[in-house]
Amino acid sequence: MSLVKRITRSRPVQEALGFLVASYLGLVRRTNRFVMEPADAYDRIGPMMPVIAAMWHGQHFMIHFAKRPQDRAASLVSRSGDGEFNAIALRHLGIRAIRGSGARGRDIRKKGGISAMRAMLRALGDGEMVVMTADIPKIARVCGEGIVTLAQFSGRPIVPVAVVTSRRIDFDSWDRASLGLPFGRGAMVLGEPILVPRDADAQALEAARQAVERELDAVHARAYALVGAKDPGARAKEHRTRTLAGGSRA
């Protein structure tokens, strides 16, 4: 490990980074004029709490703006070094971190996936909302099975959420991450709740997975439209789909 990486992963530095990230996000939240769609989203979703708030990975900076102050929440955060200061930032924002992630072809135990699933089920059972990315690790905008399995085991609904600001930085990363800037307009869009029956078979789980993916794409498209922009993640997904289709015909 390089000297720079050792320094940035030391506990004092990560505590400072986490505090700065949380402080900056607080500034973005206070200085943007947000609209909520639908306007009665909290009235509709409130009685369903605790819910599973679903996001695409690139929304991990912004999604927590949509949480009501009175809602207790826990968020799934990877066990990586970078995940540590994200967990610290969440703590400063009043959100508990659950450490773990999916494994996509690797031993899920090494990534903490099984223990994280148990922790999320406990959180939901205790009345905490759970916030988690729906993507397959490193494959943006493709919903994995983890979030629908959590919904099946817990009996709690999945609510797709997107938060976008008019002034922002869109990163050229695998997840097309977006970070809001202060002093602009913002949109928070909540999708239709998706319930997964406890007795769902493989076909029903696949239908739920596809529904989550469609709703997440829809709320992101709408949120970007409300601030006068197009979703860069959608363009990347369309390009990947066309590339894969072209390869399958070759």
C-alpha atoms as a PDB file:
ATOM      1  CA  MET A   1       0.000   0.000   0.000  1.00  0.00           C
ATOM      2  CA  SER A   2       1.353   3.426  -0.957  1.00  0.00           C
ATOM      3  CA  LEU A   3       2.123   6.099   1.620  1.00  0.00           C
ATOM      4  CA  VAL A   4      -0.736   8.296   0.359  1.00  0.00           C
ATOM      5  CA  LYS A   5      -3.213   5.445   0.658  1.00  0.00           C
ATOM      6  CA  ARG A   6      -1.976   4.599   4.161  1.00  0.00           C
ATOM      7  CA  ILE A   7      -2.456   8.212   5.211  1.00  0.00           C
ATOM      8  CA  THR A   8      -5.921   8.570   3.695  1.00  0.00           C
ATOM      9  CA  ARG A   9      -7.034   5.312   5.319  1.00  0.00           C
ATOM     10  CA  SER A  10      -5.812   6.244   8.790  1.00  0.00           C
ATOM     11  CA  ARG A  11      -8.611   6.724  11.286  1.00  0.00           C
ATOM     12  CA  PRO A  12      -8.000  10.450  12.036  1.00  0.00           C
ATOM     13  CA  VAL A  13      -7.888  11.325   8.321  1.00  0.00           C
ATOM     14  CA  GLN A  14     -11.017   9.316   7.558  1.00  0.00           C
ATOM     15  CA  GLU A  15     -12.844  10.951  10.467  1.00  0.00           C
ATOM     16  CA  ALA A  16     -11.905  14.361   9.068  1.00  0.00           C
ATOM     17  CA  LEU A  17     -12.894  13.387   5.509  1.00  0.00           C
ATOM     18  CA  GLY A  18     -16.216  11.977   6.678  1.00  0.00           C
ATOM     19  CA  PHE A  19     -17.007  15.150   8.618  1.00  0.00           C
ATOM     20  CA  LEU A  20     -16.116  17.346   5.622  1.00  0.00           C
ATOM     21  CA  VAL A  21     -18.267  15.255   3.249  1.00  0.00           C
ATOM     22  CA  ALA A  22     -21.235  15.428   5.631  1.00  0.00           C
ATOM     23  CA  SER A  23     -20.782  19.177   6.105  1.00  0.00           C
ATOM     24  CA  TYR A  24     -20.627  19.745   2.358  1.00  0.00           C
ATOM     25  CA  LEU A  25     -23.751  17.653   1.713  1.00  0.00           C
ATOM     26  CA  GLY A  26     -25.542  19.624   4.398  1.00  0.00           C
ATOM     27  CA  LEU A  27     -24.623  22.825   2.552  1.00  0.00           C
ATOM     28  CA  VAL A  28     -25.944  21.409  -0.719  1.00  0.00           C
ATOM     29  CA  ARG A  29     -29.207  20.386   0.964  1.00  0.00           C
ATOM     30  CA  ARG A  30     -29.742  23.816   2.531  1.00  0.00           C
ATOM     31  CA  THR A  31     -28.904  25.912  -0.531  1.00  0.00           C
ATOM     32  CA  ASN A  32     -30.913  24.115  -3.220  1.00  0.00           C
ATOM     33  CA  ARG A  33     -34.646  24.665  -3.746  1.00  0.00           C
ATOM     34  CA  PHE A  34     -36.048  21.152  -3.895  1.00  0.00           C
ATOM     35  CA  VAL A  35     -39.345  19.943  -5.294  1.00  0.00           C
ATOM     36  CA  MET A  36     -40.823  16.583  -4.358  1.00  0.00           C
ATOM     37  CA  GLU A  37     -42.684  14.378  -6.818  1.00  0.00           C
ATOM     38  CA  PRO A  38     -45.288  13.223  -6.215  1.00  0.00           C
ATOM     39  CA  ALA A  39     -46.106  16.159  -3.937  1.00  0.00           C
ATOM     40  CA  ASP A  40     -47.836  13.862  -1.438  1.00  0.00           C
ATOM     41  CA  ALA A  41     -45.023  11.289  -1.455  1.00  0.00           C
ATOM     42  CA  TYR A  42     -44.430  11.463   2.298  1.00  0.00           C
ATOM     43  CA  ASP A  43     -48.160  11.107   3.028  1.00  0.00           C
ATOM     44  CA  ARG A  44     -48.275   8.011   0.815  1.00  0.00           C
ATOM     45  CA  ILE A  45     -45.033   6.396   1.923  1.00  0.00           C
ATOM     46  CA  GLY A  46     -45.131   7.370   5.605  1.00  0.00           C
ATOM     47  CA  PRO A  47     -47.719   4.759   6.646  1.00  0.00           C
ATOM     48  CA  MET A  48     -45.626   2.066   4.928  1.00  0.00           C
ATOM     49  CA  MET A  49     -42.505   2.720   6.979  1.00  0.00           C
ATOM     50  CA  PRO A  50     -40.040   1.194   7.406  1.00  0.00           C
ATOM     51  CA  VAL A  51     -39.361   0.801   3.697  1.00  0.00           C
ATOM     52  CA  ILE A  52     -36.375  -0.269   1.626  1.00  0.00           C
ATOM     53  CA  ALA A  53     -35.206   2.847  -0.237  1.00  0.00           C
ATOM     54  CA  ALA A  54     -33.655   1.734  -3.517  1.00  0.00           C
ATOM     55  CA  MET A  55     -31.113   3.791  -5.449  1.00  0.00           C
ATOM     56  CA  TRP A  56     -28.717   3.390  -8.317  1.00  0.00           C
ATOM     57  CA  HIS A  57     -25.121   3.380  -7.113  1.00  0.00           C
ATOM     58  CA  GLY A  58     -24.275   6.782  -8.559  1.00  0.00           C
ATOM     59  CA  GLN A  59     -26.845   8.361  -6.220  1.00  0.00           C
ATOM     60  CA  HIS A  60     -25.047   7.399  -3.014  1.00  0.00           C
ATOM     61  CA  PHE A  61     -23.995  11.004  -2.331  1.00  0.00           C
ATOM     62  CA  MET A  62     -27.470  12.484  -2.708  1.00  0.00           C
ATOM     63  CA  ILE A  63     -30.124   9.936  -1.818  1.00  0.00           C
ATOM     64  CA  HIS A  64     -30.223  10.738   1.890  1.00  0.00           C
ATOM     65  CA  PHE A  65     -31.680  14.189   1.192  1.00  0.00           C
ATOM     66  CA  ALA A  66     -35.021  12.453   0.699  1.00  0.00           C
ATOM     67  CA  LYS A  67     -35.158  11.115   4.255  1.00  0.00           C
ATOM     68  CA  ARG A  68     -37.564  12.812   6.646  1.00  0.00           C
ATOM     69  CA  PRO A  69     -35.924  14.032   9.908  1.00  0.00           C
ATOM     70  CA  GLN A  70     -38.085  11.734  12.029  1.00  0.00           C
ATOM     71  CA  ASP A  71     -37.221   8.569  10.089  1.00  0.00           C
ATOM     72  CA  ARG A  72     -34.537   6.330  11.542  1.00  0.00           C
ATOM     73  CA  ALA A  73     -32.396   4.938   8.737  1.00  0.00           C
ATOM     74  CA  ALA A  74     -29.543   2.532   8.107  1.00  0.00           C
ATOM     75  CA  SER A  75     -27.557   2.404   4.874  1.00  0.00           C
ATOM     76  CA  LEU A  76     -25.583  -0.446   3.343  1.00  0.00           C
ATOM     77  CA  VAL A  77     -21.913   0.576   2.927  1.00  0.00           C
ATOM     78  CA  SER A  78     -19.112  -1.563   1.506  1.00  0.00           C
ATOM     79  CA  ARG A  79     -16.302  -2.889   3.714  1.00  0.00           C
ATOM     80  CA  SER A  80     -13.670  -1.214   1.533  1.00  0.00           C
ATOM     81  CA  GLY A  81     -11.314   1.474   2.792  1.00  0.00           C
ATOM     82  CA  ASP A  82     -13.260   4.102   0.872  1.00  0.00           C
ATOM     83  CA  GLY A  83     -16.429   2.816   2.482  1.00  0.00           C
ATOM     84  CA  GLU A  84     -15.085   3.733   5.910  1.00  0.00           C
ATOM     85  CA  PHE A  85     -15.201   7.486   5.446  1.00  0.00           C
ATOM     86  CA  ASN A  86     -18.585   7.100   3.732  1.00  0.00           C
ATOM     87  CA  ALA A  87     -19.793   5.380   6.911  1.00  0.00           C
ATOM     88  CA  ILE A  88     -18.376   8.228   8.998  1.00  0.00           C
ATOM     89  CA  ALA A  89     -20.117  10.812   6.787  1.00  0.00           C
ATOM     90  CA  LEU A  90     -23.406   8.948   7.193  1.00  0.00           C
ATOM     91  CA  ARG A  91     -22.973   8.960  10.967  1.00  0.00           C
ATOM     92  CA  HIS A  92     -22.679  12.745  10.910  1.00  0.00           C
ATOM     93  CA  LEU A  93     -25.845  12.853   8.776  1.00  0.00           C
ATOM     94  CA  GLY A  94     -27.727  10.781  11.340  1.00  0.00           C
ATOM     95  CA  ILE A  95     -27.714   7.532   9.376  1.00  0.00           C
ATOM     96  CA  ARG A  96     -26.368   4.247  10.720  1.00  0.00           C
ATOM     97  CA  ALA A  97     -24.027   2.285   8.453  1.00  0.00           C
ATOM     98  CA  ILE A  98     -24.370  -1.452   7.863  1.00  0.00           C
ATOM     99  CA  ARG A  99     -21.123  -2.760   6.409  1.00  0.00           C
ATOM    100  CA  GLY A 100     -21.135  -5.306   3.593  1.00  0.00           C
ATOM    101  CA  SER A 101     -21.860  -5.726  -0.114  1.00  0.00           C
ATOM    102  CA  GLY A 102     -22.617  -8.221  -2.832  1.00  0.00           C
ATOM    103  CA  ALA A 103     -19.923 -10.405  -4.329  1.00  0.00           C
ATOM    104  CA  ARG A 104     -20.745 -11.108  -8.027  1.00  0.00           C
ATOM    105  CA  GLY A 105     -18.884 -14.312  -8.679  1.00  0.00           C
ATOM    106  CA  ARG A 106     -16.816 -14.221  -5.504  1.00  0.00           C
ATOM    107  CA  ASP A 107     -17.244 -15.631  -2.008  1.00  0.00           C
ATOM    108  CA  ILE A 108     -20.082 -13.555  -0.563  1.00  0.00           C
ATOM    109  CA  ARG A 109     -18.806 -14.217   2.956  1.00  0.00           C
ATOM    110  CA  LYS A 110     -15.620 -12.245   2.243  1.00  0.00           C
ATOM    111  CA  LYS A 111     -17.684  -9.220   1.233  1.00  0.00           C
ATOM    112  CA  GLY A 112     -19.931  -9.427   4.278  1.00  0.00           C
ATOM    113  CA  GLY A 113     -23.057 -10.058   2.224  1.00  0.00           C
ATOM    114  CA  ILE A 114     -24.648 -12.661   4.504  1.00  0.00           C
ATOM    115  CA  SER A 115     -24.030 -10.729   7.718  1.00  0.00           C
ATOM    116  CA  ALA A 116     -25.217  -7.523   6.031  1.00  0.00           C
ATOM    117  CA  MET A 117     -28.468  -9.200   4.958  1.00  0.00           C
ATOM    118  CA  ARG A 118     -29.084 -10.314   8.525  1.00  0.00           C
ATOM    119  CA  ALA A 119     -28.296  -6.824   9.825  1.00  0.00           C
ATOM    120  CA  MET A 120     -30.680  -5.220   7.330  1.00  0.00           C
ATOM    121  CA  LEU A 121     -33.455  -7.633   8.291  1.00  0.00           C
ATOM    122  CA  ARG A 122     -32.893  -6.756  11.961  1.00  0.00           C
ATOM    123  CA  ALA A 123     -32.959  -3.038  11.130  1.00  0.00           C
ATOM    124  CA  LEU A 124     -36.262  -3.316   9.266  1.00  0.00           C
ATOM    125  CA  GLY A 125     -37.699  -5.439  12.048  1.00  0.00           C
ATOM    126  CA  ASP A 126     -36.703  -2.722  14.513  1.00  0.00           C
ATOM    127  CA  GLY A 127     -38.430   0.006  12.496  1.00  0.00           C
ATOM    128  CA  GLU A 128     -35.412   1.436  10.666  1.00  0.00           C
ATOM    129  CA  MET A 129     -35.640   2.302   6.988  1.00  0.00           C
ATOM    130  CA  VAL A 130     -32.896   0.618   4.965  1.00  0.00           C
ATOM    131  CA  VAL A 131     -31.192   2.465   2.114  1.00  0.00           C
ATOM    132  CA  MET A 132     -29.289   0.370  -0.421  1.00  0.00           C
ATOM    133  CA  THR A 133     -28.064   0.361  -3.988  1.00  0.00           C
ATOM    134  CA  ALA A 134     -29.888  -1.995  -6.319  1.00  0.00           C
ATOM    135  CA  ASP A 135     -27.098  -2.411  -8.884  1.00  0.00           C
ATOM    136  CA  ILE A 136     -25.070  -5.538  -9.425  1.00  0.00           C
ATOM    137  CA  PRO A 137     -21.563  -4.637  -8.177  1.00  0.00           C
ATOM    138  CA  LYS A 138     -19.626  -2.817 -10.933  1.00  0.00           C
ATOM    139  CA  ILE A 139     -22.505  -3.179 -13.417  1.00  0.00           C
ATOM    140  CA  ALA A 140     -24.431   0.075 -13.244  1.00  0.00           C
ATOM    141  CA  ARG A 141     -28.180   0.317 -13.746  1.00  0.00           C
ATOM    142  CA  VAL A 142     -28.764  -3.448 -13.685  1.00  0.00           C
ATOM    143  CA  CYS A 143     -30.770  -4.485 -10.641  1.00  0.00           C
ATOM    144  CA  GLY A 144     -29.466  -7.476  -8.749  1.00  0.00           C
ATOM    145  CA  GLU A 145     -31.346 -10.037  -6.700  1.00  0.00           C
ATOM    146  CA  GLY A 146     -30.184  -8.790  -3.293  1.00  0.00           C
ATOM    147  CA  ILE A 147     -32.719  -6.016  -2.845  1.00  0.00           C
ATOM    148  CA  VAL A 148     -35.710  -8.148  -3.896  1.00  0.00           C
ATOM    149  CA  THR A 149     -34.520 -10.953  -1.613  1.00  0.00           C
ATOM    150  CA  LEU A 150     -34.404  -8.464   1.276  1.00  0.00           C
ATOM    151  CA  ALA A 151     -37.940  -7.353   0.429  1.00  0.00           C
ATOM    152  CA  GLN A 152     -39.130 -10.969   0.273  1.00  0.00           C
ATOM    153  CA  PHE A 153     -37.606 -11.976   3.614  1.00  0.00           C
ATOM    154  CA  SER A 154     -38.616  -8.774   5.428  1.00  0.00           C
ATOM    155  CA  GLY A 155     -42.066  -8.218   3.933  1.00  0.00           C
ATOM    156  CA  ARG A 156     -41.216  -4.509   3.532  1.00  0.00           C
ATOM    157  CA  PRO A 157     -41.868  -2.575   0.288  1.00  0.00           C
ATOM    158  CA  ILE A 158     -39.125  -1.285  -2.005  1.00  0.00           C
ATOM    159  CA  VAL A 159     -39.407   2.425  -2.841  1.00  0.00           C
ATOM    160  CA  PRO A 160     -37.233   3.604  -5.772  1.00  0.00           C
ATOM    161  CA  VAL A 161     -35.768   7.073  -5.119  1.00  0.00           C
ATOM    162  CA  ALA A 162     -33.788   9.606  -7.179  1.00  0.00           C
ATOM    163  CA  VAL A 163     -32.350  12.959  -6.054  1.00  0.00           C
ATOM    164  CA  VAL A 164     -30.821  15.370  -8.585  1.00  0.00           C
ATOM    165  CA  THR A 165     -29.676  18.997  -8.522  1.00  0.00           C
ATOM    166  CA  SER A 166     -29.462  21.399 -11.440  1.00  0.00           C
ATOM    167  CA  ARG A 167     -25.883  22.342 -10.538  1.00  0.00           C
ATOM    168  CA  ARG A 168     -23.817  19.219 -10.088  1.00  0.00           C
ATOM    169  CA  ILE A 169     -20.728  17.254 -11.023  1.00  0.00           C
ATOM    170  CA  ASP A 170     -21.391  14.126 -13.111  1.00  0.00           C
ATOM    171  CA  PHE A 171     -18.382  11.849 -12.784  1.00  0.00           C
ATOM    172  CA  ASP A 172     -17.124   9.649 -15.623  1.00  0.00           C
ATOM    173  CA  SER A 173     -17.127   6.609 -13.348  1.00  0.00           C
ATOM    174  CA  TRP A 174     -18.612   3.146 -13.838  1.00  0.00           C
ATOM    175  CA  ASP A 175     -21.730   4.209 -11.911  1.00  0.00           C
ATOM    176  CA  ARG A 176     -21.966   7.720 -13.412  1.00  0.00           C
ATOM    177  CA  ALA A 177     -21.948   9.152  -9.892  1.00  0.00           C
ATOM    178  CA  SER A 178     -23.469  12.589  -9.405  1.00  0.00           C
ATOM    179  CA  LEU A 179     -22.544  15.116  -6.712  1.00  0.00           C
ATOM    180  CA  GLY A 180     -24.724  18.170  -6.217  1.00  0.00           C
ATOM    181  CA  LEU A 181     -23.388  21.693  -6.018  1.00  0.00           C
ATOM    182  CA  PRO A 182     -24.829  24.504  -3.857  1.00  0.00           C
ATOM    183  CA  PHE A 183     -27.183  27.278  -4.907  1.00  0.00           C
ATOM    184  CA  GLY A 184     -29.371  25.624  -7.507  1.00  0.00           C
ATOM    185  CA  ARG A 185     -32.619  23.707  -7.896  1.00  0.00           C
ATOM    186  CA  GLY A 186     -33.242  20.122  -6.935  1.00  0.00           C
ATOM    187  CA  ALA A 187     -35.731  17.326  -7.484  1.00  0.00           C
ATOM    188  CA  MET A 188     -36.600  14.344  -5.318  1.00  0.00           C
ATOM    189  CA  VAL A 189     -38.695  11.705  -7.072  1.00  0.00           C
ATOM    190  CA  LEU A 190     -40.164   8.637  -5.378  1.00  0.00           C
ATOM    191  CA  GLY A 191     -41.447   5.723  -7.432  1.00  0.00           C
ATOM    192  CA  GLU A 192     -44.258   3.278  -6.898  1.00  0.00           C
ATOM    193  CA  PRO A 193     -43.709   0.906  -3.943  1.00  0.00           C
ATOM    194  CA  ILE A 194     -42.883  -2.661  -4.983  1.00  0.00           C
ATOM    195  CA  LEU A 195     -43.928  -5.543  -2.731  1.00  0.00           C
ATOM    196  CA  VAL A 196     -42.386  -8.999  -3.007  1.00  0.00           C
ATOM    197  CA  PRO A 197     -44.507 -11.849  -1.594  1.00  0.00           C
ATOM    198  CA  ARG A 198     -42.814 -14.056   0.977  1.00  0.00           C
ATOM    199  CA  ASP A 199     -43.759 -17.114  -1.082  1.00  0.00           C
ATOM    200  CA  ALA A 200     -42.462 -15.648  -4.354  1.00  0.00           C
ATOM    201  CA  ASP A 201     -40.976 -18.240  -6.693  1.00  0.00           C
ATOM    202  CA  ALA A 202     -38.082 -17.651  -9.075  1.00  0.00           C
ATOM    203  CA  GLN A 203     -40.372 -16.207 -11.754  1.00  0.00           C
ATOM    204  CA  ALA A 204     -41.988 -13.764  -9.318  1.00  0.00           C
ATOM    205  CA  LEU A 205     -38.596 -12.672  -7.982  1.00  0.00           C
ATOM    206  CA  GLU A 206     -37.387 -11.994 -11.515  1.00  0.00           C
ATOM    207  CA  ALA A 207     -40.522  -9.966 -12.223  1.00  0.00           C
ATOM    208  CA  ALA A 208     -39.904  -7.932  -9.060  1.00  0.00           C
ATOM    209  CA  ARG A 209     -36.260  -7.396 -10.004  1.00  0.00           C
ATOM    210  CA  GLN A 210     -37.286  -6.086 -13.407  1.00  0.00           C
ATOM    211  CA  ALA A 211     -39.918  -3.842 -11.811  1.00  0.00           C
ATOM    212  CA  VAL A 212     -37.329  -2.278  -9.495  1.00  0.00           C
ATOM    213  CA  GLU A 213     -35.009  -1.670 -12.450  1.00  0.00           C
ATOM    214  CA  ARG A 214     -37.772  -0.053 -14.514  1.00  0.00           C
ATOM    215  CA  GLU A 215     -38.940   2.161 -11.651  1.00  0.00           C
ATOM    216  CA  LEU A 216     -35.406   3.290 -10.811  1.00  0.00           C
ATOM    217  CA  ASP A 217     -34.771   4.200 -14.439  1.00  0.00           C
ATOM    218  CA  ALA A 218     -38.092   6.072 -14.507  1.00  0.00           C
ATOM    219  CA  VAL A 219     -37.552   8.106 -11.329  1.00  0.00           C
ATOM    220  CA  HIS A 220     -34.043   9.074 -12.455  1.00  0.00           C
ATOM    221  CA  ALA A 221     -35.276  10.175 -15.864  1.00  0.00           C
ATOM    222  CA  ARG A 222     -38.013  12.244 -14.225  1.00  0.00           C
ATOM    223  CA  ALA A 223     -35.702  13.803 -11.617  1.00  0.00           C
ATOM    224  CA  TYR A 224     -33.222  14.905 -14.288  1.00  0.00           C
ATOM    225  CA  ALA A 225     -36.068  16.240 -16.436  1.00  0.00           C
ATOM    226  CA  LEU A 226     -37.344  18.344 -13.528  1.00  0.00           C
ATOM    227  CA  VAL A 227     -33.989  20.147 -13.342  1.00  0.00           C
ATOM    228  CA  GLY A 228     -33.746  20.504 -17.132  1.00  0.00           C
ATOM    229  CA  ALA A 229     -31.200  17.776 -17.831  1.00  0.00           C
ATOM    230  CA  LYS A 230     -30.829  14.270 -19.229  1.00  0.00           C
ATOM    231  CA  ASP A 231     -29.688  11.345 -17.139  1.00  0.00           C
ATOM    232  CA  PRO A 232     -26.078  10.468 -18.117  1.00  0.00           C
ATOM    233  CA  GLY A 233     -26.470   7.034 -16.572  1.00  0.00           C
ATOM    234  CA  ALA A 234     -29.360   6.268 -18.918  1.00  0.00           C
ATOM    235  CA  ARG A 235     -27.235   7.143 -21.943  1.00  0.00           C
ATOM    236  CA  ALA A 236     -24.465   4.858 -20.695  1.00  0.00           C
ATOM    237  CA  LYS A 237     -26.962   2.039 -20.138  1.00  0.00           C
ATOM    238  CA  GLU A 238     -28.402   2.430 -23.647  1.00  0.00           C
ATOM    239  CA  HIS A 239     -24.898   2.360 -25.123  1.00  0.00           C
ATOM    240  CA  ARG A 240     -24.041  -0.818 -23.190  1.00  0.00           C
ATOM    241  CA  THR A 241     -27.288  -2.452 -24.276  1.00  0.00           C
ATOM    242  CA  ARG A 242     -26.635  -1.647 -27.947  1.00  0.00           C
ATOM    243  CA  THR A 243     -23.052  -2.905 -27.662  1.00  0.00           C
ATOM    244  CA  LEU A 244     -24.174  -6.183 -26.103  1.00  0.00           C
ATOM    245  CA  ALA A 245     -26.914  -6.594 -28.716  1.00  0.00           C
ATOM    246  CA  GLY A 246     -24.405  -5.993 -31.499  1.00  0.00           C
ATOM    247  CA  GLY A 247     -22.024  -8.535 -30.005  1.00  0.00           C
ATOM    248  CA  SER A 248     -24.763 -11.156 -29.729  1.00  0.00           C
ATOM    249  CA  ARG A 249     -25.584 -10.748 -33.440  1.00  0.00           C
ATOM    250  CA  ALA A 250     -21.960 -11.054 -34.512  1.00  0.00           C
END
